[in-house]
């Protein structure tokens, strides 16, 4: 379990970076300007890195389901992710940033818990 939990700090940094990117593309300034974030430029490398990292993080969460000490946190993160995805598909654009922030905050909390488990196990 220590090897899997050792990745928790990395995923924590990724979640924080994801919140920054969400603010840039869906932030208050973008909403006030009436800009559609789907029309904003995003480099192919960044988009590919972001997509692949999201897939890797979800895979990591699934593997954590088989670790007894991390099962509850992994289940919570997966549930938040899937419920959040469903909500984002139905929300108006101005509420998506709020939903992403709440979703990210919950995942950050679970990742802090997993990082603490890993740290205690050292």
Protein backbone atom coordinates (compact mmCIF):
# COMPACT_ATOMS: atom_id res chain seq x y z
CA UNK A 1 0.00 0.00 0.00
CA UNK A 2 2.87 2.42 0.65
CA UNK A 3 3.79 2.51 -3.03
CA UNK A 4 0.29 3.50 -4.08
CA UNK A 5 -0.05 6.02 -1.27
CA UNK A 6 3.31 7.53 -2.18
CA UNK A 7 1.58 8.93 -5.27
CA UNK A 8 -0.92 10.91 -3.16
CA UNK A 9 1.28 14.05 -2.93
CA UNK A 10 1.68 14.05 -6.72
CA UNK A 11 -2.08 13.79 -7.23
CA UNK A 12 -2.57 16.52 -4.64
CA UNK A 13 -0.38 18.86 -6.70
CA UNK A 14 -2.25 17.85 -9.83
CA UNK A 15 -5.61 18.66 -8.23
CA UNK A 16 -4.36 22.07 -7.16
CA UNK A 17 -3.03 22.72 -10.67
CA UNK A 18 -6.38 21.62 -12.07
CA UNK A 19 -8.15 24.22 -9.91
CA UNK A 20 -5.84 26.93 -11.29
CA UNK A 21 -6.52 25.83 -14.87
CA UNK A 22 -10.27 25.74 -14.19
CA UNK A 23 -10.11 29.31 -12.88
CA UNK A 24 -8.21 30.41 -15.98
CA UNK A 25 -10.64 28.85 -18.43
CA UNK A 26 -13.90 29.16 -16.48
CA UNK A 27 -13.12 32.02 -14.11
CA UNK A 28 -15.14 35.06 -13.18
CA UNK A 29 -13.32 37.22 -15.74
CA UNK A 30 -14.21 34.77 -18.52
CA UNK A 31 -17.84 34.63 -17.41
CA UNK A 32 -18.07 38.43 -17.14
CA UNK A 33 -16.63 38.79 -20.64
CA UNK A 34 -19.17 36.30 -21.97
CA UNK A 35 -16.39 34.11 -23.35
CA UNK A 36 -17.13 30.49 -24.11
CA UNK A 37 -14.21 28.51 -22.64
CA UNK A 38 -14.54 25.90 -25.36
CA UNK A 39 -13.42 28.58 -27.82
CA UNK A 40 -10.28 29.53 -25.85
CA UNK A 41 -6.99 28.21 -27.18
CA UNK A 42 -5.34 25.33 -25.37
CA UNK A 43 -2.17 23.81 -26.70
CA UNK A 44 -2.30 20.23 -27.86
CA UNK A 45 0.49 19.19 -25.51
CA UNK A 46 -1.30 20.69 -22.49
CA UNK A 47 -4.63 19.16 -23.52
CA UNK A 48 -3.06 15.74 -24.08
CA UNK A 49 -1.13 15.90 -20.79
CA UNK A 50 -4.23 16.99 -18.90
CA UNK A 51 -6.43 14.26 -20.41
CA UNK A 52 -3.90 11.48 -19.89
CA UNK A 53 -3.22 12.61 -16.33
CA UNK A 54 -6.96 12.62 -15.56
CA UNK A 55 -7.22 9.07 -16.86
CA UNK A 56 -4.18 7.99 -14.85
CA UNK A 57 -5.62 9.56 -11.69
CA UNK A 58 -8.93 7.74 -12.15
CA UNK A 59 -7.07 4.47 -12.71
CA UNK A 60 -5.07 5.11 -9.51
CA UNK A 61 -8.34 5.66 -7.63
CA UNK A 62 -9.72 2.38 -8.96
CA UNK A 63 -6.59 0.48 -7.89
CA UNK A 64 -6.84 2.08 -4.42
CA UNK A 65 -10.23 0.37 -4.01
CA UNK A 66 -8.31 -2.88 -3.45
CA UNK A 67 -6.29 -1.40 -0.57
CA UNK A 68 -8.20 -1.77 2.73
CA UNK A 69 -6.76 1.35 4.38
CA UNK A 70 -7.47 3.58 1.39
CA UNK A 71 -10.75 2.11 0.17
CA UNK A 72 -13.08 4.68 1.75
CA UNK A 73 -11.10 7.66 0.45
CA UNK A 74 -10.85 6.14 -3.03
CA UNK A 75 -14.57 5.42 -3.10
CA UNK A 76 -15.33 8.98 -1.99
CA UNK A 77 -13.05 10.47 -4.67
CA UNK A 78 -14.56 8.28 -7.39
CA UNK A 79 -18.11 9.09 -6.28
CA UNK A 80 -17.37 12.82 -6.23
CA UNK A 81 -15.78 12.57 -9.67
CA UNK A 82 -18.70 10.72 -11.27
CA UNK A 83 -21.39 12.81 -9.58
CA UNK A 84 -19.48 15.97 -10.53
CA UNK A 85 -19.28 14.88 -14.15
CA UNK A 86 -23.02 14.34 -14.23
CA UNK A 87 -23.67 17.73 -12.64
CA UNK A 88 -21.34 19.59 -15.00
CA UNK A 89 -23.25 18.23 -17.97
CA UNK A 90 -26.46 19.77 -16.62
CA UNK A 91 -25.26 23.03 -15.06
CA UNK A 92 -25.17 26.44 -16.67
CA UNK A 93 -21.67 27.56 -17.58
CA UNK A 94 -21.49 30.10 -14.74
CA UNK A 95 -22.04 27.33 -12.14
CA UNK A 96 -19.48 24.92 -13.54
CA UNK A 97 -16.58 26.74 -11.83
CA UNK A 98 -18.37 26.53 -8.48
CA UNK A 99 -18.99 22.81 -8.98
CA UNK A 100 -15.38 22.20 -10.05
CA UNK A 101 -14.10 24.05 -6.98
CA UNK A 102 -16.27 22.04 -4.58
CA UNK A 103 -15.38 18.79 -6.32
CA UNK A 104 -11.68 19.66 -6.24
CA UNK A 105 -11.83 20.65 -2.57
CA UNK A 106 -13.34 17.30 -1.61
CA UNK A 107 -10.72 15.40 -3.61
CA UNK A 108 -7.94 17.54 -2.09
CA UNK A 109 -9.22 16.65 1.38
CA UNK A 110 -9.20 12.94 0.57
CA UNK A 111 -5.72 13.23 -0.96
CA UNK A 112 -4.45 14.98 2.18
CA UNK A 113 -5.82 12.07 4.20
CA UNK A 114 -4.08 9.54 1.93
CA UNK A 115 -0.83 11.52 2.04
CA UNK A 116 -1.02 11.54 5.85
CA UNK A 117 -1.54 7.76 5.84
CA UNK A 118 1.52 7.38 3.64
CA UNK A 119 3.57 9.75 5.82
CA UNK A 120 2.64 7.86 9.00
CA UNK A 121 3.65 4.60 7.37
CA UNK A 122 7.18 5.80 6.62
